[in-house]
Each structure stands twice: as structure tokens, then as C-alpha cells.
Amino acid sequence: MMQTKFQVFPKITSFANPKIKELVKLRDRRERMKTGVTIIDGIRELKAALDAGVVIKEVFVCPALYQDQGQGNVEQDIIKNLTAKNIAVFEVSKDVFAKICFGDRVEGVLAVGCPQTKKLVDLQVNKNPLLMLIEHVEKPGNLGAILRTADAAGIEALLVSDAATDVFNPNVIRASLGTAFSVAVIPETPENILSFLKRHKIKIVAATPAGQKVFTTVDLRCGVAIAIGSEKDGLSDFWLNAADERISIPMKGKADSLNTSVAAALIAYEALRQRGN
């Protein structure tokens, strides 16, 4: 296997290394918000961040854990490009990488980057935009899965009302497979989001078990924002009262609701079907 060419840094093998301590701090939301940086774990996620123009500060790798060994060396190519841009690349031991990585999918590549949160005032929508609005989604895995759906279904923007987790939580990035960088994710207050939707004459379709219409019977071809609430509480009265239509997903069993990301996917793809795409 071709050897990775690192800049001249000693291999990090100690948990007490200052850089490792700084990485561990980034597991805390307050630290990410204070510093404006986050952890990007995984080769696909790093590639998506680079494609989106995210500034990468430094990268930590463990070549023994690369997933692409002997199959084209994707990791090698990306690391080579990073070092050519004078981005510091540090090699770490397996034990140290296990300390800093996220989830069960260990790929041996982890970066520290500075993603920029998009602003509602900068959002430009098409004539009949398809947007998604989520309220108080707490689980990073759910938010990441919704982002994957939004990316696949061509959602123009994901509006996050009363965000319960930061949109660039490392677990969100991981669960989204990097689509957190390709979809316009905009956290805002409910009032500002509603004002934007009214100003652009975008219909609000609220998903709720008490919805009067089945989601497949509602016209989703116009400018529309699909509103989804948390699994625990659903949508607040603010969004239920603001909605132009309330829709439901048929439930034939004992459960009274679906996973948030599943509900989002069903309605998004119904909109896609209606629009002839």
C-alpha cells in the first residue's frame, strides 16, 4: 500500500496531548458554539465538507483504519490534497482515534472544520419552492436522517425552529453522511420563519396525527413548507395554528406516530411524486 505523506509531526499516542484534549472538548455543544468549529468524522463527510467549501483547520488520521486500503486509496488522495494546501495532518494511534471518533463506523479520518450556518435573510427560493420545517428535533440521528432525505428529495432548505441540537453536531454530520453541508440548514425563531413563509406566499402543511387530510390527498405542487414536529411532543400550537393545512399519515397498528425522519421522508417523496420528478 502506498504510504501516506504527512507533514513533519510526531505521531500522537497519548490522550494527554493538548490537541486531543481540544478535540474531546468539541463533544460539548457550548464549546462548538463558542469556537465556531466542529468535528467532521469520516471520509465521505470530509469530502462533502470540502466540496461545500468548508474551511478545514486540521485533520487526524489513523492509516491502519482506512476503509479503502488497496481499492484506490481515496483517503490517500484526499490527505495528499490537504497537505498540498498546508492543512496540518496528524497521525494518531488506534487507541487515540477510538477516543476522538464518533459512532460504530470507524474510518480512520477525522477533521476539525469551520462550517458556516446559513441565514434566512440570504435564502433565495424558486417559484414553487419545496421546503421542510422541523421543530425541536432533539436526536442528532433523526436530524441527520432528515438531512439525507432533504438532499435526496431536492428540498431547497431545511428550516429549524427552536433547534434542540446544533445543526453541525458531529453526530448530525455523521448521520447525514455529509449532507449537512449540501442542504441549506437554517436555524431560526418560529416568528422569523413564519414571517418569511408568509412573505413568500409559501403554504404551510403541518404533519400531525390529528390532521384532517391524508398526506397523499393534499396538493404539494405549489410553494410549500412541510412542517414536522418532534416524536415526543409533535408540533407546537404555534405551528399547528399557523398551518394552512393539517395532514396525517395513516396508522393501522397500535403506534400513534412514526419516527420523525420516516414521516419526513414519506411526505417529501409524495411532494416529489406530485411534482412529476
Protein backbone atom coordinates (compact mmCIF):
# COMPACT_ATOMS: atom_id res chain seq x y z
CA MET A 1 0.00 0.00 0.00
CA MET A 2 1.23 3.49 -0.83
CA GLN A 3 2.46 5.32 2.26
CA THR A 4 0.74 8.48 3.44
CA LYS A 5 2.96 11.56 3.31
CA PHE A 6 2.39 13.62 6.46
CA GLN A 7 3.89 16.92 7.42
CA VAL A 8 6.67 16.56 9.96
CA PHE A 9 4.64 15.98 13.13
CA PRO A 10 5.27 13.24 15.67
CA LYS A 11 2.64 10.52 15.84
CA ILE A 12 0.14 11.23 18.64
CA THR A 13 -0.17 8.28 21.01
CA SER A 14 -1.22 9.97 24.27
CA PHE A 15 -4.67 11.02 25.43
CA ALA A 16 -2.96 13.85 27.30
CA ASN A 17 -1.81 15.51 24.07
CA PRO A 18 -3.18 19.11 24.03
CA LYS A 19 -4.73 18.65 20.56
CA ILE A 20 -6.58 15.53 21.68
CA LYS A 21 -7.86 17.37 24.75
CA GLU A 22 -9.16 20.17 22.50
CA LEU A 23 -10.89 17.63 20.27
CA VAL A 24 -12.61 16.00 23.21
CA LYS A 25 -13.92 19.42 24.30
CA LEU A 26 -15.69 19.74 20.95
CA ARG A 27 -18.08 16.99 22.01
CA ASP A 28 -19.77 19.72 24.06
CA ARG A 29 -22.26 21.95 22.23
CA ARG A 30 -21.20 25.04 24.17
CA GLU A 31 -17.60 24.58 23.07
CA ARG A 32 -18.64 24.19 19.42
CA MET A 33 -20.79 27.32 19.62
CA LYS A 34 -18.02 29.28 21.34
CA THR A 35 -15.26 28.31 18.92
CA GLY A 36 -17.28 28.06 15.70
CA VAL A 37 -15.66 24.73 14.84
CA THR A 38 -16.85 21.15 14.87
CA ILE A 39 -15.64 17.60 14.29
CA ILE A 40 -16.12 16.03 10.86
CA ASP A 41 -15.69 12.27 11.24
CA GLY A 42 -15.47 10.06 8.16
CA ILE A 43 -14.02 10.23 4.67
CA ARG A 44 -17.37 10.82 2.92
CA GLU A 45 -18.23 13.52 5.40
CA LEU A 46 -14.87 15.23 4.93
CA LYS A 47 -15.19 15.10 1.15
CA ALA A 48 -18.68 16.63 1.37
CA ALA A 49 -17.33 19.40 3.59
CA LEU A 50 -14.51 20.14 1.16
CA ASP A 51 -16.92 20.16 -1.81
CA ALA A 52 -19.07 22.68 0.09
CA GLY A 53 -16.10 24.95 0.73
CA VAL A 54 -15.91 24.36 4.49
CA VAL A 55 -12.64 25.65 5.94
CA ILE A 56 -10.67 22.74 7.39
CA LYS A 57 -8.28 23.61 10.21
CA GLU A 58 -6.56 20.26 10.76
CA VAL A 59 -7.01 16.54 10.19
CA PHE A 60 -6.29 13.48 12.31
CA VAL A 61 -5.75 10.10 10.66
CA CYS A 62 -5.04 6.51 11.54
CA PRO A 63 -3.96 4.76 8.30
CA ALA A 64 -4.41 1.31 9.84
CA LEU A 65 -8.17 2.01 9.96
CA TYR A 66 -8.60 3.24 6.38
CA GLN A 67 -11.55 1.52 4.68
CA ASP A 68 -10.22 1.90 1.14
CA GLN A 69 -6.94 0.03 1.54
CA GLY A 70 -5.86 -1.47 -1.78
CA GLN A 71 -9.00 -0.21 -3.56
CA GLY A 72 -7.94 3.12 -5.00
CA ASN A 73 -6.71 4.84 -1.86
CA VAL A 74 -9.41 7.52 -1.64
CA GLU A 75 -8.07 8.54 1.76
CA GLN A 76 -4.55 8.93 0.38
CA ASP A 77 -5.72 11.24 -2.40
CA ILE A 78 -7.70 13.48 -0.05
CA ILE A 79 -4.85 13.65 2.50
CA LYS A 80 -2.42 14.50 -0.29
CA ASN A 81 -4.66 17.37 -1.41
CA LEU A 82 -4.99 18.65 2.15
CA THR A 83 -1.26 18.66 2.79
CA ALA A 84 -0.74 20.45 -0.54
CA LYS A 85 -2.95 23.23 0.87
CA ASN A 86 -0.80 23.40 4.00
CA ILE A 87 -3.52 21.91 6.20
CA ALA A 88 -1.90 20.11 9.11
CA VAL A 89 -2.44 16.33 9.10
CA PHE A 90 -1.62 14.44 12.29
CA GLU A 91 -1.24 10.69 12.53
CA VAL A 92 -2.66 9.15 15.71
CA SER A 93 -2.64 5.68 17.24
CA LYS A 94 -5.67 3.36 17.12
CA ASP A 95 -6.36 3.96 20.81
CA VAL A 96 -6.30 7.72 20.40
CA PHE A 97 -8.52 7.57 17.31
CA ALA A 98 -11.03 5.45 19.24
CA LYS A 99 -11.13 8.26 21.81
CA ILE A 100 -11.94 11.01 19.31
CA CYS A 101 -14.15 9.31 16.71
CA PHE A 102 -17.96 9.04 16.66
CA GLY A 103 -20.23 6.04 16.22
CA ASP A 104 -19.51 2.50 15.12
CA ARG A 105 -18.34 3.31 11.61
CA VAL A 106 -14.62 3.91 12.18
CA GLU A 107 -12.79 5.04 9.02
CA GLY A 108 -9.55 6.50 10.35
CA VAL A 109 -10.11 10.06 9.11
CA LEU A 110 -11.38 12.93 11.28
CA ALA A 111 -11.18 16.67 10.63
CA VAL A 112 -11.77 19.89 12.52
CA GLY A 113 -13.70 22.34 10.35
CA CYS A 114 -15.47 25.70 10.46
CA PRO A 115 -18.90 25.31 8.78
CA GLN A 116 -20.94 28.45 8.25
CA THR A 117 -24.57 28.44 9.37
CA LYS A 118 -26.79 29.82 6.63
CA LYS A 119 -29.12 32.72 7.36
CA LEU A 120 -32.79 33.05 6.48
CA VAL A 121 -32.33 36.55 5.05
CA ASP A 122 -29.95 35.09 2.45
CA LEU A 123 -32.26 32.30 1.31
CA GLN A 124 -33.38 32.64 -2.31
CA VAL A 125 -36.31 30.38 -3.21
CA ASN A 126 -37.62 29.18 -6.55
CA LYS A 127 -41.09 29.92 -7.94
CA ASN A 128 -42.72 26.90 -6.25
CA PRO A 129 -40.22 26.00 -3.54
CA LEU A 130 -40.27 22.75 -1.61
CA LEU A 131 -39.06 23.44 1.93
CA MET A 132 -39.06 21.40 5.12
CA LEU A 133 -39.63 22.85 8.56
CA ILE A 134 -38.71 20.85 11.66
CA GLU A 135 -39.43 21.87 15.22
CA HIS A 136 -37.50 20.91 18.33
CA VAL A 137 -35.99 17.71 16.93
CA GLU A 138 -33.71 16.57 19.74
CA LYS A 139 -31.96 13.47 18.45
CA PRO A 140 -28.93 14.20 16.21
CA GLY A 141 -29.53 10.90 14.40
CA ASN A 142 -33.03 11.99 13.42
CA LEU A 143 -31.83 15.36 12.19
CA GLY A 144 -29.07 13.67 10.19
CA ALA A 145 -31.53 11.23 8.61
CA ILE A 146 -33.89 14.10 7.72
CA LEU A 147 -30.98 15.87 6.03
CA ARG A 148 -30.27 12.78 3.92
CA THR A 149 -33.91 12.77 2.82
CA ALA A 150 -33.86 16.51 2.13
CA ASP A 151 -30.77 16.11 -0.03
CA ALA A 152 -32.21 13.14 -1.93
CA ALA A 153 -35.65 14.69 -2.47
CA GLY A 154 -34.35 18.07 -3.60
CA ILE A 155 -35.60 20.04 -0.62
CA GLU A 156 -34.40 23.62 -1.12
CA ALA A 157 -33.88 24.36 2.56
CA LEU A 158 -34.42 22.82 5.97
CA LEU A 159 -35.79 25.41 8.37
CA VAL A 160 -35.09 24.52 12.00
CA SER A 161 -37.49 26.06 14.50
CA ASP A 162 -36.41 26.01 18.16
CA ALA A 163 -33.38 23.85 17.48
CA ALA A 164 -32.79 21.34 20.27
CA THR A 165 -29.38 20.40 18.89
CA ASP A 166 -26.86 22.39 16.87
CA VAL A 167 -27.05 21.58 13.18
CA PHE A 168 -23.33 20.83 12.98
CA ASN A 169 -23.29 18.42 15.90
CA PRO A 170 -20.72 15.74 14.89
CA ASN A 171 -23.40 13.08 15.20
CA VAL A 172 -25.69 15.06 12.87
CA ILE A 173 -22.90 15.29 10.31
CA ARG A 174 -22.19 11.56 10.65
CA ALA A 175 -25.84 10.50 10.41
CA SER A 176 -26.37 12.79 7.42
CA LEU A 177 -23.40 11.27 5.54
CA GLY A 178 -22.15 14.80 4.96
CA THR A 179 -25.40 16.16 3.50
CA ALA A 180 -25.42 18.63 6.40
CA PHE A 181 -23.08 20.59 4.12
CA SER A 182 -25.07 20.23 0.87
CA VAL A 183 -28.51 21.24 2.18
CA ALA A 184 -29.27 24.79 3.30
CA VAL A 185 -29.92 24.22 7.02
CA ILE A 186 -31.26 27.37 8.67
CA PRO A 187 -31.98 27.58 12.40
CA GLU A 188 -34.29 30.49 13.22
CA THR A 189 -37.00 31.62 15.60
CA PRO A 190 -40.56 30.47 14.83
CA GLU A 191 -41.66 34.09 14.34
CA ASN A 192 -38.97 34.84 11.76
CA ILE A 193 -39.62 31.62 9.87
CA LEU A 194 -43.35 32.28 9.75
CA SER A 195 -42.77 35.84 8.55
CA PHE A 196 -40.52 34.54 5.75
CA LEU A 197 -43.06 31.92 4.64
CA LYS A 198 -45.93 34.42 4.63
CA ARG A 199 -43.88 36.97 2.74
CA HIS A 200 -43.09 34.45 0.01
CA LYS A 201 -46.64 33.02 -0.02
CA ILE A 202 -45.42 29.54 0.87
CA LYS A 203 -48.14 27.20 2.12
CA ILE A 204 -47.50 25.53 5.49
CA VAL A 205 -48.54 21.88 5.64
CA ALA A 206 -48.36 20.54 9.19
CA ALA A 207 -47.99 16.82 9.87
CA THR A 208 -49.97 15.76 12.92
CA PRO A 209 -51.81 12.58 13.98
CA ALA A 210 -54.94 14.75 14.26
CA GLY A 211 -54.62 16.01 10.68
CA GLN A 212 -57.91 16.20 8.82
CA LYS A 213 -56.49 15.06 5.46
CA VAL A 214 -54.30 12.11 4.48
CA PHE A 215 -50.98 13.44 3.17
CA THR A 216 -51.43 11.91 -0.31
CA THR A 217 -54.65 13.90 -0.88
CA VAL A 218 -53.15 17.37 -0.36
CA ASP A 219 -51.73 19.43 -3.24
CA LEU A 220 -47.98 19.73 -2.68
CA ARG A 221 -47.12 21.14 -6.11
CA CYS A 222 -47.25 24.78 -5.08
CA GLY A 223 -44.71 26.55 -2.88
CA VAL A 224 -44.92 24.52 0.31
CA ALA A 225 -43.17 24.04 3.64
CA ILE A 226 -43.66 20.59 5.17
CA ALA A 227 -43.74 21.03 8.96
CA ILE A 228 -42.66 18.12 11.16
CA GLY A 229 -42.51 18.12 14.97
CA SER A 230 -40.59 16.04 17.49
CA GLU A 231 -41.55 12.43 18.18
CA LYS A 232 -42.27 13.22 21.81
CA ASP A 233 -44.45 16.30 21.50
CA GLY A 234 -45.27 16.76 17.82
CA LEU A 235 -45.75 20.28 16.51
CA SER A 236 -46.46 23.11 18.92
CA ASP A 237 -49.68 25.10 18.85
CA PHE A 238 -47.72 27.90 17.19
CA TRP A 239 -47.17 25.85 14.02
CA LEU A 240 -50.49 24.00 14.15
CA ASN A 241 -52.32 27.33 14.28
CA ALA A 242 -50.12 28.83 11.56
CA ALA A 243 -50.63 25.88 9.20
CA ASP A 244 -52.67 26.27 6.06
CA GLU A 245 -53.47 22.55 6.12
CA ARG A 246 -53.03 19.77 8.66
CA ILE A 247 -52.19 16.36 7.26
CA SER A 248 -51.81 12.87 8.72
CA ILE A 249 -50.13 9.61 7.78
CA PRO A 250 -52.44 6.58 8.07
CA MET A 251 -51.59 4.38 11.07
CA LYS A 252 -53.15 0.90 11.11
CA GLY A 253 -51.34 -0.52 14.14
CA LYS A 254 -51.16 0.36 17.81
CA ALA A 255 -48.47 3.04 17.44
CA ASP A 256 -49.82 6.56 17.04
CA SER A 257 -46.83 8.08 15.25
CA LEU A 258 -43.82 7.30 13.08
CA ASN A 259 -40.17 8.13 13.55
CA THR A 260 -39.67 11.81 12.66
CA SER A 261 -37.28 11.07 9.82
CA VAL A 262 -39.60 8.42 8.35
CA ALA A 263 -42.57 10.82 8.39
CA ALA A 264 -40.43 13.49 6.74
CA ALA A 265 -39.33 11.07 4.02
CA LEU A 266 -42.86 9.90 3.21
CA ILE A 267 -44.24 13.40 2.78
CA ALA A 268 -41.18 14.72 0.92
CA TYR A 269 -41.37 11.93 -1.63
CA GLU A 270 -45.11 12.38 -2.04
CA ALA A 271 -44.36 16.01 -2.93
CA LEU A 272 -41.70 14.82 -5.36
CA ARG A 273 -44.15 12.37 -6.95
CA GLN A 274 -46.81 15.04 -7.38
CA ARG A 275 -44.30 17.37 -8.98
CA GLY A 276 -43.50 14.77 -11.62
CA ASN A 277 -39.89 14.22 -10.62
